[in-house]
Amino acid sequence: MGKTVEITDSNYSEILNSDKPVLVDFWAEWCGPCKMIKPIVEQLAEEYEGKAIIAQVDVDSNPEVAVKYGIRSIPTLLFFKNGEVVAKQIGAVPKSVLVKKLEAQL
């Protein structure tokens, strides 16, 4: 069963520079829309196991990585390929929107 990878201020560079596409969900415990999108992100982690890395960043615990990528509102989902941000999605959206952006990176 696939699960999301937790990104922290100390490990983000090794994860984001993966040779696989990476989807990162920037979230916080107090954020209502973040809670709405969390189950979708967890489903993607299972469905894309071995094909992509699905990760989450708690912005309250890891402000450095959030600042580095200019996260101003959450949830923000960034899509990385070869260490570069290639797509961005702000706010809670249907799963199909995230699947389309993730598929484009495979």
Protein backbone atom coordinates (compact mmCIF):
# COMPACT_ATOMS: atom_id res chain seq x y z
CA MET A 1 0.00 0.00 0.00
CA GLY A 2 1.49 3.32 -1.06
CA LYS A 3 1.65 6.16 1.37
CA THR A 4 2.62 9.79 1.25
CA VAL A 5 6.18 10.83 2.03
CA GLU A 6 6.63 13.47 4.72
CA ILE A 7 8.82 16.34 3.56
CA THR A 8 10.67 18.40 6.14
CA ASP A 9 13.00 21.38 6.06
CA SER A 10 15.92 18.93 6.27
CA ASN A 11 14.98 16.30 3.64
CA TYR A 12 13.16 18.23 0.91
CA SER A 13 16.03 18.59 -1.55
CA GLU A 14 16.69 14.85 -1.84
CA ILE A 15 12.98 14.09 -2.37
CA LEU A 16 12.26 16.89 -4.82
CA ASN A 17 15.27 15.97 -6.96
CA SER A 18 13.93 12.46 -7.55
CA ASP A 19 14.04 10.98 -11.04
CA LYS A 20 10.29 10.33 -10.67
CA PRO A 21 7.66 13.07 -10.80
CA VAL A 22 6.83 14.45 -7.35
CA LEU A 23 3.50 15.89 -6.18
CA VAL A 24 3.82 17.91 -2.97
CA ASP A 25 0.80 18.90 -0.89
CA PHE A 26 1.54 21.93 1.33
CA TRP A 27 -0.97 21.82 4.20
CA ALA A 28 -1.61 22.64 7.88
CA GLU A 29 -3.65 20.98 10.61
CA TRP A 30 -5.96 24.01 11.04
CA CYS A 31 -6.78 24.30 7.32
CA GLY A 32 -10.29 23.08 6.39
CA PRO A 33 -9.73 22.75 2.62
CA CYS A 34 -6.48 20.86 3.36
CA LYS A 35 -8.51 18.24 5.23
CA MET A 36 -10.86 17.97 2.25
CA ILE A 37 -8.03 17.24 -0.18
CA LYS A 38 -5.97 14.96 2.10
CA PRO A 39 -7.89 11.73 1.25
CA ILE A 40 -7.42 12.45 -2.47
CA VAL A 41 -3.68 12.94 -1.99
CA GLU A 42 -3.51 9.66 -0.05
CA GLN A 43 -5.41 7.84 -2.85
CA LEU A 44 -2.91 9.18 -5.39
CA ALA A 45 -0.05 7.85 -3.25
CA GLU A 46 -1.55 4.36 -3.56
CA GLU A 47 -2.47 4.62 -7.24
CA TYR A 48 0.90 6.04 -8.34
CA GLU A 49 3.13 3.91 -6.12
CA GLY A 50 6.32 3.17 -8.04
CA LYS A 51 5.50 5.75 -10.73
CA ALA A 52 5.55 9.01 -8.78
CA ILE A 53 6.30 10.29 -5.29
CA ILE A 54 3.36 11.83 -3.46
CA ALA A 55 4.51 13.95 -0.55
CA GLN A 56 3.14 16.31 2.07
CA VAL A 57 4.63 19.30 3.89
CA ASP A 58 3.16 20.61 7.14
CA VAL A 59 3.87 24.32 6.62
CA ASP A 60 3.68 25.08 10.34
CA SER A 61 6.41 22.56 11.18
CA ASN A 62 8.52 23.23 8.07
CA PRO A 63 8.45 26.95 7.28
CA GLU A 64 11.77 26.91 5.40
CA VAL A 65 10.55 24.74 2.53
CA ALA A 66 7.23 26.64 2.37
CA VAL A 67 9.06 29.98 2.10
CA LYS A 68 11.52 28.58 -0.47
CA TYR A 69 8.62 27.75 -2.81
CA GLY A 70 6.61 30.91 -2.06
CA ILE A 71 3.64 29.16 -0.48
CA ARG A 72 1.19 31.89 0.54
CA SER A 73 -2.10 30.00 0.71
CA ILE A 74 -2.89 26.40 1.44
CA PRO A 75 -3.54 23.87 0.26
CA THR A 76 -1.04 24.44 -2.51
CA LEU A 77 0.06 21.44 -4.57
CA LEU A 78 3.28 21.67 -6.54
CA PHE A 79 4.28 19.21 -9.25
CA PHE A 80 8.03 18.66 -9.70
CA LYS A 81 9.94 17.02 -12.49
CA ASN A 82 13.75 16.73 -12.32
CA GLY A 83 13.78 19.06 -9.32
CA GLU A 84 11.85 21.85 -11.07
CA VAL A 85 8.30 23.05 -10.40
CA VAL A 86 6.35 22.23 -13.58
CA ALA A 87 2.77 22.79 -12.40
CA LYS A 88 0.88 24.29 -9.49
CA GLN A 89 -2.61 23.95 -8.05
CA ILE A 90 -3.96 26.19 -5.30
CA GLY A 91 -7.01 25.19 -3.26
CA ALA A 92 -9.05 22.04 -2.92
CA VAL A 93 -9.94 20.63 -6.34
CA PRO A 94 -11.49 17.41 -7.65
CA LYS A 95 -9.19 14.40 -7.95
CA SER A 96 -9.46 14.50 -11.75
CA VAL A 97 -7.65 17.87 -11.85
CA LEU A 98 -4.70 16.48 -9.90
CA VAL A 99 -4.62 13.25 -11.93
CA LYS A 100 -4.46 15.24 -15.18
CA LYS A 101 -1.52 17.34 -13.95
CA LEU A 102 0.29 14.31 -12.54
CA GLU A 103 -0.24 12.22 -15.69
CA ALA A 104 1.29 15.04 -17.74
CA GLN A 105 4.58 14.50 -15.85
CA LEU A 106 4.80 10.72 -16.33
